[in-house]
Amino acid sequence: MATVRVPTDELTAGEARQAVPPEVPSFTYEPPEGGDLGTLTTEVTSDTDADTLLAQPQEAPGLFTDRVGNFADDETIGAGTTLEVAADPASEAVRIFASDDGATGEVTRWQGPE
């Protein structure tokens, strides 16, 4: 069985902007239908340098996380890729993390519907 090295180094702010430029993630929020949580969809609008992307609600990170990509191959996240998580629009931020060249870090954050 092969072991995959999970990135442990931190992306600097400049590396994060290079891996996933600020204009690349596009957010669409659908309000809840009868419950407390709506759905946040993050779409990648152009190709990135990131190996993986992860969307993680700040208040419930283990419950509603979505991830795309693979640490073990050299493919990067391309345009049209989407991440979908449940989100509470009143009190929650959703953080988007990326991994690139053995480092990982937050690249952007959704702060609720405008």
PDB file of N, CA and C in Angstrom:
ATOM      1  N   MET A   1       0.841  -1.180   0.000  1.00  0.00           N
ATOM      2  CA  MET A   1       0.000   0.000   0.000  1.00  0.00           C
ATOM      3  C   MET A   1       0.886   1.244   0.000  1.00  0.00           C
ATOM      4  N   ALA A   2       0.626   2.157  -0.906  1.00  0.00           N
ATOM      5  CA  ALA A   2       1.403   3.385  -1.015  1.00  0.00           C
ATOM      6  C   ALA A   2       0.910   4.421  -0.013  1.00  0.00           C
ATOM      7  N   THR A   3       1.821   5.209   0.505  1.00  0.00           N
ATOM      8  CA  THR A   3       1.486   6.283   1.419  1.00  0.00           C
ATOM      9  C   THR A   3       1.489   7.592   0.657  1.00  0.00           C
ATOM     10  N   VAL A   4       0.488   8.407   0.865  1.00  0.00           N
ATOM     11  CA  VAL A   4       0.397   9.708   0.215  1.00  0.00           C
ATOM     12  C   VAL A   4       0.760  10.772   1.233  1.00  0.00           C
ATOM     13  N   ARG A   5       1.705  11.633   0.874  1.00  0.00           N
ATOM     14  CA  ARG A   5       2.125  12.720   1.764  1.00  0.00           C
ATOM     15  C   ARG A   5       1.114  13.859   1.688  1.00  0.00           C
ATOM     16  N   VAL A   6       0.486  14.161   2.794  1.00  0.00           N
ATOM     17  CA  VAL A   6      -0.457  15.272   2.873  1.00  0.00           C
ATOM     18  C   VAL A   6       0.345  16.550   3.116  1.00  0.00           C
ATOM     19  N   PRO A   7       0.058  17.626   2.363  1.00  0.00           N
ATOM     20  CA  PRO A   7       0.816  18.860   2.542  1.00  0.00           C
ATOM     21  C   PRO A   7       0.721  19.389   3.973  1.00  0.00           C
ATOM     22  N   THR A   8       1.866  19.763   4.519  1.00  0.00           N
ATOM     23  CA  THR A   8       1.890  20.312   5.867  1.00  0.00           C
ATOM     24  C   THR A   8       2.469  21.720   5.902  1.00  0.00           C
ATOM     25  N   ASP A   9       3.168  22.128   4.844  1.00  0.00           N
ATOM     26  CA  ASP A   9       3.701  23.488   4.794  1.00  0.00           C
ATOM     27  C   ASP A   9       2.568  24.457   4.510  1.00  0.00           C
ATOM     28  N   GLU A  10       2.721  25.697   4.954  1.00  0.00           N
ATOM     29  CA  GLU A  10       1.712  26.735   4.733  1.00  0.00           C
ATOM     30  C   GLU A  10       1.971  27.467   3.415  1.00  0.00           C
ATOM     31  N   LEU A  11       0.909  27.704   2.663  1.00  0.00           N
ATOM     32  CA  LEU A  11       1.014  28.582   1.499  1.00  0.00           C
ATOM     33  C   LEU A  11       1.144  30.018   1.993  1.00  0.00           C
ATOM     34  N   THR A  12       2.060  30.767   1.432  1.00  0.00           N
ATOM     35  CA  THR A  12       2.122  32.190   1.746  1.00  0.00           C
ATOM     36  C   THR A  12       0.962  32.879   1.039  1.00  0.00           C
ATOM     37  N   ALA A  13       0.679  34.120   1.371  1.00  0.00           N
ATOM     38  CA  ALA A  13      -0.397  34.857   0.713  1.00  0.00           C
ATOM     39  C   ALA A  13      -0.153  34.939  -0.794  1.00  0.00           C
ATOM     40  N   GLY A  14       1.090  35.184  -1.191  1.00  0.00           N
ATOM     41  CA  GLY A  14       1.418  35.259  -2.616  1.00  0.00           C
ATOM     42  C   GLY A  14       1.241  33.928  -3.314  1.00  0.00           C
ATOM     43  N   GLU A  15       1.657  32.841  -2.667  1.00  0.00           N
ATOM     44  CA  GLU A  15       1.489  31.505  -3.253  1.00  0.00           C
ATOM     45  C   GLU A  15       0.012  31.148  -3.365  1.00  0.00           C
ATOM     46  N   ALA A  16      -0.787  31.543  -2.375  1.00  0.00           N
ATOM     47  CA  ALA A  16      -2.226  31.277  -2.413  1.00  0.00           C
ATOM     48  C   ALA A  16      -2.872  32.007  -3.587  1.00  0.00           C
ATOM     49  N   ARG A  17      -2.499  33.281  -3.794  1.00  0.00           N
ATOM     50  CA  ARG A  17      -3.047  34.053  -4.926  1.00  0.00           C
ATOM     51  C   ARG A  17      -2.622  33.460  -6.263  1.00  0.00           C
ATOM     52  N   GLN A  18      -1.416  32.913  -6.321  1.00  0.00           N
ATOM     53  CA  GLN A  18      -0.948  32.303  -7.557  1.00  0.00           C
ATOM     54  C   GLN A  18      -1.655  30.972  -7.805  1.00  0.00           C
ATOM     55  N   ALA A  19      -1.823  30.174  -6.768  1.00  0.00           N
ATOM     56  CA  ALA A  19      -2.475  28.870  -6.915  1.00  0.00           C
ATOM     57  C   ALA A  19      -3.940  29.019  -7.322  1.00  0.00           C
ATOM     58  N   VAL A  20      -4.640  29.930  -6.666  1.00  0.00           N
ATOM     59  CA  VAL A  20      -6.062  30.182  -6.947  1.00  0.00           C
ATOM     60  C   VAL A  20      -6.266  31.695  -6.880  1.00  0.00           C
ATOM     61  N   PRO A  21      -6.164  32.388  -8.023  1.00  0.00           N
ATOM     62  CA  PRO A  21      -6.361  33.840  -8.018  1.00  0.00           C
ATOM     63  C   PRO A  21      -7.722  34.221  -7.438  1.00  0.00           C
ATOM     64  N   PRO A  22      -7.814  35.381  -6.771  1.00  0.00           N
ATOM     65  CA  PRO A  22      -9.041  35.775  -6.074  1.00  0.00           C
ATOM     66  C   PRO A  22     -10.290  35.806  -6.955  1.00  0.00           C
ATOM     67  N   GLU A  23     -10.146  36.066  -8.227  1.00  0.00           N
ATOM     68  CA  GLU A  23     -11.312  36.143  -9.115  1.00  0.00           C
ATOM     69  C   GLU A  23     -11.788  34.769  -9.600  1.00  0.00           C
ATOM     70  N   VAL A  24     -11.059  33.707  -9.313  1.00  0.00           N
ATOM     71  CA  VAL A  24     -11.394  32.374  -9.831  1.00  0.00           C
ATOM     72  C   VAL A  24     -12.591  31.731  -9.130  1.00  0.00           C
ATOM     73  N   PRO A  25     -12.682  31.728  -7.792  1.00  0.00           N
ATOM     74  CA  PRO A  25     -13.864  31.115  -7.167  1.00  0.00           C
ATOM     75  C   PRO A  25     -15.097  32.003  -7.324  1.00  0.00           C
ATOM     76  N   SER A  26     -16.188  31.396  -7.738  1.00  0.00           N
ATOM     77  CA  SER A  26     -17.467  32.088  -7.858  1.00  0.00           C
ATOM     78  C   SER A  26     -18.451  31.389  -6.927  1.00  0.00           C
ATOM     79  N   PHE A  27     -19.138  32.163  -6.081  1.00  0.00           N
ATOM     80  CA  PHE A  27     -20.030  31.596  -5.073  1.00  0.00           C
ATOM     81  C   PHE A  27     -21.493  31.799  -5.458  1.00  0.00           C
ATOM     82  N   THR A  28     -22.292  30.741  -5.271  1.00  0.00           N
ATOM     83  CA  THR A  28     -23.740  30.814  -5.451  1.00  0.00           C
ATOM     84  C   THR A  28     -24.380  30.216  -4.209  1.00  0.00           C
ATOM     85  N   TYR A  29     -25.262  30.989  -3.580  1.00  0.00           N
ATOM     86  CA  TYR A  29     -25.916  30.526  -2.362  1.00  0.00           C
ATOM     87  C   TYR A  29     -27.400  30.301  -2.627  1.00  0.00           C
ATOM     88  N   GLU A  30     -27.880  29.120  -2.256  1.00  0.00           N
ATOM     89  CA  GLU A  30     -29.300  28.785  -2.328  1.00  0.00           C
ATOM     90  C   GLU A  30     -29.851  28.759  -0.902  1.00  0.00           C
ATOM     91  N   PRO A  31     -30.862  29.585  -0.596  1.00  0.00           N
ATOM     92  CA  PRO A  31     -31.412  29.625   0.766  1.00  0.00           C
ATOM     93  C   PRO A  31     -32.006  28.276   1.175  1.00  0.00           C
ATOM     94  N   PRO A  32     -32.144  28.068   2.485  1.00  0.00           N
ATOM     95  CA  PRO A  32     -32.709  26.809   2.973  1.00  0.00           C
ATOM     96  C   PRO A  32     -34.172  26.653   2.570  1.00  0.00           C
ATOM     97  N   GLU A  33     -34.554  25.404   2.373  1.00  0.00           N
ATOM     98  CA  GLU A  33     -35.954  25.084   2.084  1.00  0.00           C
ATOM     99  C   GLU A  33     -36.521  24.341   3.281  1.00  0.00           C
ATOM    100  N   GLY A  34     -36.941  25.089   4.294  1.00  0.00           N
ATOM    101  CA  GLY A  34     -37.563  24.475   5.462  1.00  0.00           C
ATOM    102  C   GLY A  34     -36.609  24.174   6.602  1.00  0.00           C
ATOM    103  N   GLY A  35     -35.319  24.282   6.423  1.00  0.00           N
ATOM    104  CA  GLY A  35     -34.372  24.027   7.504  1.00  0.00           C
ATOM    105  C   GLY A  35     -33.568  25.280   7.797  1.00  0.00           C
ATOM    106  N   ASP A  36     -32.495  25.096   8.531  1.00  0.00           N
ATOM    107  CA  ASP A  36     -31.642  26.221   8.898  1.00  0.00           C
ATOM    108  C   ASP A  36     -30.494  26.450   7.926  1.00  0.00           C
ATOM    109  N   LEU A  37     -30.122  25.417   7.169  1.00  0.00           N
ATOM    110  CA  LEU A  37     -28.935  25.498   6.330  1.00  0.00           C
ATOM    111  C   LEU A  37     -29.287  25.586   4.855  1.00  0.00           C
ATOM    112  N   GLY A  38     -28.625  26.498   4.177  1.00  0.00           N
ATOM    113  CA  GLY A  38     -28.732  26.598   2.732  1.00  0.00           C
ATOM    114  C   GLY A  38     -27.568  25.855   2.100  1.00  0.00           C
ATOM    115  N   THR A  39     -27.408  26.004   0.785  1.00  0.00           N
ATOM    116  CA  THR A  39     -26.335  25.337   0.063  1.00  0.00           C
ATOM    117  C   THR A  39     -25.454  26.368  -0.613  1.00  0.00           C
ATOM    118  N   LEU A  40     -24.163  26.290  -0.344  1.00  0.00           N
ATOM    119  CA  LEU A  40     -23.188  27.150  -1.005  1.00  0.00           C
ATOM    120  C   LEU A  40     -22.447  26.321  -2.051  1.00  0.00           C
ATOM    121  N   THR A  41     -22.505  26.774  -3.295  1.00  0.00           N
ATOM    122  CA  THR A  41     -21.763  26.136  -4.373  1.00  0.00           C
ATOM    123  C   THR A  41     -20.615  27.061  -4.756  1.00  0.00           C
ATOM    124  N   THR A  42     -19.413  26.521  -4.784  1.00  0.00           N
ATOM    125  CA  THR A  42     -18.235  27.258  -5.214  1.00  0.00           C
ATOM    126  C   THR A  42     -17.816  26.682  -6.552  1.00  0.00           C
ATOM    127  N   GLU A  43     -17.801  27.518  -7.586  1.00  0.00           N
ATOM    128  CA  GLU A  43     -17.385  27.070  -8.908  1.00  0.00           C
ATOM    129  C   GLU A  43     -16.030  27.681  -9.246  1.00  0.00           C
ATOM    130  N   VAL A  44     -15.153  26.869  -9.813  1.00  0.00           N
ATOM    131  CA  VAL A  44     -13.851  27.326 -10.291  1.00  0.00           C
ATOM    132  C   VAL A  44     -14.067  27.827 -11.717  1.00  0.00           C
ATOM    133  N   THR A  45     -13.833  29.123 -11.946  1.00  0.00           N
ATOM    134  CA  THR A  45     -14.171  29.733 -13.236  1.00  0.00           C
ATOM    135  C   THR A  45     -13.048  29.675 -14.262  1.00  0.00           C
ATOM    136  N   SER A  46     -11.821  29.350 -13.840  1.00  0.00           N
ATOM    137  CA  SER A  46     -10.723  29.140 -14.782  1.00  0.00           C
ATOM    138  C   SER A  46      -9.721  28.178 -14.154  1.00  0.00           C
ATOM    139  N   ASP A  47      -8.817  27.652 -14.969  1.00  0.00           N
ATOM    140  CA  ASP A  47      -7.851  26.679 -14.479  1.00  0.00           C
ATOM    141  C   ASP A  47      -6.995  27.270 -13.366  1.00  0.00           C
ATOM    142  N   THR A  48      -6.562  26.411 -12.436  1.00  0.00           N
ATOM    143  CA  THR A  48      -5.740  26.836 -11.302  1.00  0.00           C
ATOM    144  C   THR A  48      -4.448  26.030 -11.271  1.00  0.00           C
ATOM    145  N   ASP A  49      -3.550  26.405 -10.366  1.00  0.00           N
ATOM    146  CA  ASP A  49      -2.329  25.639 -10.102  1.00  0.00           C
ATOM    147  C   ASP A  49      -2.525  24.675  -8.931  1.00  0.00           C
ATOM    148  N   ALA A  50      -3.684  24.705  -8.293  1.00  0.00           N
ATOM    149  CA  ALA A  50      -3.930  23.911  -7.088  1.00  0.00           C
ATOM    150  C   ALA A  50      -4.107  22.429  -7.423  1.00  0.00           C
ATOM    151  N   ASP A  51      -3.546  21.573  -6.540  1.00  0.00           N
ATOM    152  CA  ASP A  51      -3.719  20.123  -6.656  1.00  0.00           C
ATOM    153  C   ASP A  51      -5.040  19.682  -6.035  1.00  0.00           C
ATOM    154  N   THR A  52      -5.453  20.372  -4.963  1.00  0.00           N
ATOM    155  CA  THR A  52      -6.710  20.075  -4.292  1.00  0.00           C
ATOM    156  C   THR A  52      -7.374  21.377  -3.876  1.00  0.00           C
ATOM    157  N   LEU A  53      -8.684  21.321  -3.744  1.00  0.00           N
ATOM    158  CA  LEU A  53      -9.465  22.419  -3.166  1.00  0.00           C
ATOM    159  C   LEU A  53     -10.391  21.816  -2.129  1.00  0.00           C
ATOM    160  N   LEU A  54     -10.629  22.561  -1.063  1.00  0.00           N
ATOM    161  CA  LEU A  54     -11.494  22.097   0.000  1.00  0.00           C
ATOM    162  C   LEU A  54     -12.361  23.251   0.463  1.00  0.00           C
ATOM    163  N   ALA A  55     -13.667  23.028   0.555  1.00  0.00           N
ATOM    164  CA  ALA A  55     -14.598  24.016   1.108  1.00  0.00           C
ATOM    165  C   ALA A  55     -14.988  23.518   2.495  1.00  0.00           C
ATOM    166  N   GLN A  56     -14.856  24.401   3.493  1.00  0.00           N
ATOM    167  CA  GLN A  56     -15.083  23.986   4.872  1.00  0.00           C
ATOM    168  C   GLN A  56     -15.811  25.070   5.652  1.00  0.00           C
ATOM    169  N   PRO A  57     -17.053  24.788   6.092  1.00  0.00           N
ATOM    170  CA  PRO A  57     -17.743  25.751   6.955  1.00  0.00           C
ATOM    171  C   PRO A  57     -16.955  25.949   8.247  1.00  0.00           C
ATOM    172  N   GLN A  58     -16.872  27.178   8.691  1.00  0.00           N
ATOM    173  CA  GLN A  58     -16.087  27.503   9.878  1.00  0.00           C
ATOM    174  C   GLN A  58     -16.684  26.905  11.145  1.00  0.00           C
ATOM    175  N   GLU A  59     -17.999  26.858  11.245  1.00  0.00           N
ATOM    176  CA  GLU A  59     -18.643  26.400  12.475  1.00  0.00           C
ATOM    177  C   GLU A  59     -18.785  24.879  12.569  1.00  0.00           C
ATOM    178  N   ALA A  60     -18.859  24.171  11.452  1.00  0.00           N
ATOM    179  CA  ALA A  60     -19.050  22.716  11.474  1.00  0.00           C
ATOM    180  C   ALA A  60     -18.124  22.058  10.454  1.00  0.00           C
ATOM    181  N   PRO A  61     -16.811  22.190  10.629  1.00  0.00           N
ATOM    182  CA  PRO A  61     -15.882  21.752   9.599  1.00  0.00           C
ATOM    183  C   PRO A  61     -15.912  20.265   9.285  1.00  0.00           C
ATOM    184  N   GLY A  62     -16.121  19.432  10.260  1.00  0.00           N
ATOM    185  CA  GLY A  62     -16.103  17.995  10.004  1.00  0.00           C
ATOM    186  C   GLY A  62     -17.363  17.473   9.362  1.00  0.00           C
ATOM    187  N   LEU A  63     -18.454  18.181   9.535  1.00  0.00           N
ATOM    188  CA  LEU A  63     -19.738  17.678   9.072  1.00  0.00           C
ATOM    189  C   LEU A  63     -20.044  17.986   7.611  1.00  0.00           C
ATOM    190  N   PHE A  64     -19.642  19.128   7.134  1.00  0.00           N
ATOM    191  CA  PHE A  64     -20.109  19.577   5.831  1.00  0.00           C
ATOM    192  C   PHE A  64     -18.967  19.974   4.893  1.00  0.00           C
ATOM    193  N   THR A  65     -17.871  19.260   4.917  1.00  0.00           N
ATOM    194  CA  THR A  65     -16.717  19.589   4.092  1.00  0.00           C
ATOM    195  C   THR A  65     -16.821  18.906   2.733  1.00  0.00           C
ATOM    196  N   ASP A  66     -16.380  19.601   1.673  1.00  0.00           N
ATOM    197  CA  ASP A  66     -16.305  19.006   0.344  1.00  0.00           C
ATOM    198  C   ASP A  66     -14.895  19.240  -0.183  1.00  0.00           C
ATOM    199  N   ARG A  67     -14.321  18.227  -0.845  1.00  0.00           N
ATOM    200  CA  ARG A  67     -12.960  18.316  -1.361  1.00  0.00           C
ATOM    201  C   ARG A  67     -12.899  17.732  -2.759  1.00  0.00           C
ATOM    202  N   VAL A  68     -12.066  18.345  -3.613  1.00  0.00           N
ATOM    203  CA  VAL A  68     -11.784  17.810  -4.940  1.00  0.00           C
ATOM    204  C   VAL A  68     -10.279  17.813  -5.145  1.00  0.00           C
ATOM    205  N   GLY A  69      -9.811  16.911  -5.993  1.00  0.00           N
ATOM    206  CA  GLY A  69      -8.396  16.832  -6.301  1.00  0.00           C
ATOM    207  C   GLY A  69      -7.754  15.667  -5.593  1.00  0.00           C
ATOM    208  N   ASN A  70      -6.448  15.525  -5.823  1.00  0.00           N
ATOM    209  CA  ASN A  70      -5.733  14.388  -5.305  1.00  0.00           C
ATOM    210  C   ASN A  70      -4.290  14.789  -5.032  1.00  0.00           C
ATOM    211  N   PHE A  71      -3.795  14.488  -3.854  1.00  0.00           N
ATOM    212  CA  PHE A  71      -2.413  14.795  -3.506  1.00  0.00           C
ATOM    213  C   PHE A  71      -1.431  13.921  -4.286  1.00  0.00           C
ATOM    214  N   ALA A  72      -1.887  12.762  -4.769  1.00  0.00           N
ATOM    215  CA  ALA A  72      -0.985  11.766  -5.337  1.00  0.00           C
ATOM    216  C   ALA A  72      -0.701  11.957  -6.824  1.00  0.00           C
ATOM    217  N   ASP A  73      -1.452  12.772  -7.518  1.00  0.00           N
ATOM    218  CA  ASP A  73      -1.175  12.944  -8.945  1.00  0.00           C
ATOM    219  C   ASP A  73      -0.820  14.392  -9.258  1.00  0.00           C
ATOM    220  N   ASP A  74      -0.443  14.633 -10.501  1.00  0.00           N
ATOM    221  CA  ASP A  74       0.014  15.965 -10.898  1.00  0.00           C
ATOM    222  C   ASP A  74      -1.075  16.807 -11.556  1.00  0.00           C
ATOM    223  N   GLU A  75      -2.303  16.312 -11.562  1.00  0.00           N
ATOM    224  CA  GLU A  75      -3.387  17.077 -12.176  1.00  0.00           C
ATOM    225  C   GLU A  75      -3.790  18.243 -11.288  1.00  0.00           C
ATOM    226  N   THR A  76      -4.087  19.365 -11.932  1.00  0.00           N
ATOM    227  CA  THR A  76      -4.530  20.539 -11.191  1.00  0.00           C
ATOM    228  C   THR A  76      -6.041  20.694 -11.343  1.00  0.00           C
ATOM    229  N   ILE A  77      -6.621  21.539 -10.520  1.00  0.00           N
ATOM    230  CA  ILE A  77      -8.063  21.779 -10.528  1.00  0.00           C
ATOM    231  C   ILE A  77      -8.384  22.710 -11.694  1.00  0.00           C
ATOM    232  N   GLY A  78      -9.303  22.270 -12.550  1.00  0.00           N
ATOM    233  CA  GLY A  78      -9.629  23.027 -13.752  1.00  0.00           C
ATOM    234  C   GLY A  78     -10.949  23.759 -13.664  1.00  0.00           C
ATOM    235  N   ALA A  79     -11.160  24.609 -14.663  1.00  0.00           N
ATOM    236  CA  ALA A  79     -12.408  25.369 -14.780  1.00  0.00           C
ATOM    237  C   ALA A  79     -13.593  24.417 -14.810  1.00  0.00           C
ATOM    238  N   GLY A  80     -14.686  24.827 -14.182  1.00  0.00           N
ATOM    239  CA  GLY A  80     -15.899  24.029 -14.145  1.00  0.00           C
ATOM    240  C   GLY A  80     -16.011  23.121 -12.939  1.00  0.00           C
ATOM    241  N   THR A  81     -14.952  22.971 -12.175  1.00  0.00           N
ATOM    242  CA  THR A  81     -14.985  22.167 -10.952  1.00  0.00           C
ATOM    243  C   THR A  81     -15.866  22.877  -9.924  1.00  0.00           C
ATOM    244  N   THR A  82     -16.671  22.110  -9.189  1.00  0.00           N
ATOM    245  CA  THR A  82     -17.521  22.704  -8.162  1.00  0.00           C
ATOM    246  C   THR A  82     -17.350  21.987  -6.823  1.00  0.00           C
ATOM    247  N   LEU A  83     -17.555  22.748  -5.770  1.00  0.00           N
ATOM    248  CA  LEU A  83     -17.617  22.252  -4.402  1.00  0.00           C
ATOM    249  C   LEU A  83     -18.960  22.682  -3.839  1.00  0.00           C
ATOM    250  N   GLU A  84     -19.585  21.830  -3.037  1.00  0.00           N
ATOM    251  CA  GLU A  84     -20.895  22.158  -2.480  1.00  0.00           C
ATOM    252  C   GLU A  84     -20.929  21.816  -0.998  1.00  0.00           C
ATOM    253  N   VAL A  85     -21.338  22.794  -0.167  1.00  0.00           N
ATOM    254  CA  VAL A  85     -21.428  22.576   1.274  1.00  0.00           C
ATOM    255  C   VAL A  85     -22.700  23.211   1.821  1.00  0.00           C
ATOM    256  N   ALA A  86     -23.179  22.663   2.932  1.00  0.00           N
ATOM    257  CA  ALA A  86     -24.289  23.270   3.658  1.00  0.00           C
ATOM    258  C   ALA A  86     -23.732  24.448   4.451  1.00  0.00           C
ATOM    259  N   ALA A  87     -24.492  25.551   4.491  1.00  0.00           N
ATOM    260  CA  ALA A  87     -24.005  26.748   5.179  1.00  0.00           C
ATOM    261  C   ALA A  87     -25.154  27.500   5.833  1.00  0.00           C
ATOM    262  N   ASP A  88     -24.874  28.040   7.010  1.00  0.00           N
ATOM    263  CA  ASP A  88     -25.811  28.894   7.724  1.00  0.00           C
ATOM    264  C   ASP A  88     -25.504  30.334   7.338  1.00  0.00           C
ATOM    265  N   PRO A  89     -26.406  30.994   6.614  1.00  0.00           N
ATOM    266  CA  PRO A  89     -26.103  32.324   6.094  1.00  0.00           C
ATOM    267  C   PRO A  89     -25.997  33.402   7.174  1.00  0.00           C
ATOM    268  N   ALA A  90     -26.597  33.176   8.330  1.00  0.00           N
ATOM    269  CA  ALA A  90     -26.631  34.207   9.363  1.00  0.00           C
ATOM    270  C   ALA A  90     -25.340  34.284  10.176  1.00  0.00           C
ATOM    271  N   SER A  91     -24.674  33.175  10.349  1.00  0.00           N
ATOM    272  CA  SER A  91     -23.568  33.194  11.298  1.00  0.00           C
ATOM    273  C   SER A  91     -22.308  32.484  10.829  1.00  0.00           C
ATOM    274  N   GLU A  92     -22.233  32.124   9.586  1.00  0.00           N
ATOM    275  CA  GLU A  92     -21.148  31.239   9.208  1.00  0.00           C
ATOM    276  C   GLU A  92     -20.342  31.725   8.023  1.00  0.00           C
ATOM    277  N   ALA A  93     -19.047  31.524   8.111  1.00  0.00           N
ATOM    278  CA  ALA A  93     -18.155  31.722   6.981  1.00  0.00           C
ATOM    279  C   ALA A  93     -17.785  30.345   6.441  1.00  0.00           C
ATOM    280  N   VAL A  94     -17.569  30.270   5.151  1.00  0.00           N
ATOM    281  CA  VAL A  94     -17.061  29.048   4.536  1.00  0.00           C
ATOM    282  C   VAL A  94     -15.674  29.384   4.001  1.00  0.00           C
ATOM    283  N   ARG A  95     -14.683  28.622   4.430  1.00  0.00           N
ATOM    284  CA  ARG A  95     -13.307  28.854   4.019  1.00  0.00           C
ATOM    285  C   ARG A  95     -12.937  27.905   2.886  1.00  0.00           C
ATOM    286  N   ILE A  96     -12.204  28.421   1.912  1.00  0.00           N
ATOM    287  CA  ILE A  96     -11.743  27.618   0.787  1.00  0.00           C
ATOM    288  C   ILE A  96     -10.228  27.486   0.919  1.00  0.00           C
ATOM    289  N   PHE A  97      -9.769  26.242   1.005  1.00  0.00           N
ATOM    290  CA  PHE A  97      -8.350  25.933   1.122  1.00  0.00           C
ATOM    291  C   PHE A  97      -7.865  25.308  -0.184  1.00  0.00           C
ATOM    292  N   ALA A  98      -6.577  25.489  -0.484  1.00  0.00           N
ATOM    293  CA  ALA A  98      -5.962  24.871  -1.648  1.00  0.00           C
ATOM    294  C   ALA A  98      -4.630  24.265  -1.249  1.00  0.00           C
ATOM    295  N   SER A  99      -4.228  23.234  -1.974  1.00  0.00           N
ATOM    296  CA  SER A  99      -2.902  22.656  -1.828  1.00  0.00           C
ATOM    297  C   SER A  99      -2.178  22.786  -3.153  1.00  0.00           C
ATOM    298  N   ASP A 100      -0.895  23.145  -3.076  1.00  0.00           N
ATOM    299  CA  ASP A 100      -0.077  23.305  -4.269  1.00  0.00           C
ATOM    300  C   ASP A 100       1.376  23.052  -3.901  1.00  0.00           C
ATOM    301  N   ASP A 101       2.020  22.160  -4.617  1.00  0.00           N
ATOM    302  CA  ASP A 101       3.449  21.866  -4.408  1.00  0.00           C
ATOM    303  C   ASP A 101       3.808  21.584  -2.956  1.00  0.00           C
ATOM    304  N   GLY A 102       3.021  20.756  -2.294  1.00  0.00           N
ATOM    305  CA  GLY A 102       3.348  20.339  -0.936  1.00  0.00           C
ATOM    306  C   GLY A 102       3.010  21.318   0.159  1.00  0.00           C
ATOM    307  N   ALA A 103       2.272  22.374  -0.172  1.00  0.00           N
ATOM    308  CA  ALA A 103       1.857  23.344   0.846  1.00  0.00           C
ATOM    309  C   ALA A 103       0.353  23.546   0.725  1.00  0.00           C
ATOM    310  N   THR A 104      -0.259  23.945   1.819  1.00  0.00           N
ATOM    311  CA  THR A 104      -1.699  24.174   1.817  1.00  0.00           C
ATOM    312  C   THR A 104      -2.024  25.440   2.596  1.00  0.00           C
ATOM    313  N   GLY A 105      -3.145  26.074   2.267  1.00  0.00           N
ATOM    314  CA  GLY A 105      -3.557  27.268   2.987  1.00  0.00           C
ATOM    315  C   GLY A 105      -4.882  27.789   2.491  1.00  0.00           C
ATOM    316  N   GLU A 106      -5.442  28.723   3.241  1.00  0.00           N
ATOM    317  CA  GLU A 106      -6.711  29.338   2.874  1.00  0.00           C
ATOM    318  C   GLU A 106      -6.488  30.293   1.704  1.00  0.00           C
ATOM    319  N   VAL A 107      -7.351  30.185   0.676  1.00  0.00           N
ATOM    320  CA  VAL A 107      -7.215  31.053  -0.490  1.00  0.00           C
ATOM    321  C   VAL A 107      -8.324  32.093  -0.581  1.00  0.00           C
ATOM    322  N   THR A 108      -9.479  31.813   0.005  1.00  0.00           N
ATOM    323  CA  THR A 108     -10.567  32.772   0.026  1.00  0.00           C
ATOM    324  C   THR A 108     -11.586  32.353   1.072  1.00  0.00           C
ATOM    325  N   ARG A 109     -12.580  33.227   1.278  1.00  0.00           N
ATOM    326  CA  ARG A 109     -13.609  32.969   2.291  1.00  0.00           C
ATOM    327  C   ARG A 109     -14.924  33.580   1.831  1.00  0.00           C
ATOM    328  N   TRP A 110     -16.017  32.821   2.021  1.00  0.00           N
ATOM    329  CA  TRP A 110     -17.373  33.326   1.753  1.00  0.00           C
ATOM    330  C   TRP A 110     -17.949  33.755   3.094  1.00  0.00           C
ATOM    331  N   GLN A 111     -18.479  34.969   3.172  1.00  0.00           N
ATOM    332  CA  GLN A 111     -18.972  35.515   4.446  1.00  0.00           C
ATOM    333  C   GLN A 111     -20.487  35.636   4.513  1.00  0.00           C
ATOM    334  N   GLY A 112     -21.209  34.920   3.702  1.00  0.00           N
ATOM    335  CA  GLY A 112     -22.661  34.985   3.725  1.00  0.00           C
ATOM    336  C   GLY A 112     -23.205  35.720   2.521  1.00  0.00           C
ATOM    337  N   PRO A 113     -24.488  35.542   2.250  1.00  0.00           N
ATOM    338  CA  PRO A 113     -25.074  36.180   1.076  1.00  0.00           C
ATOM    339  C   PRO A 113     -25.082  37.699   1.248  1.00  0.00           C
ATOM    340  N   GLU A 114     -24.945  38.392   0.146  1.00  0.00           N
ATOM    341  CA  GLU A 114     -24.927  39.862   0.182  1.00  0.00           C
ATOM    342  C   GLU A 114     -26.301  40.429   0.062  1.00  0.00           C
TER     343      GLU A 114
END
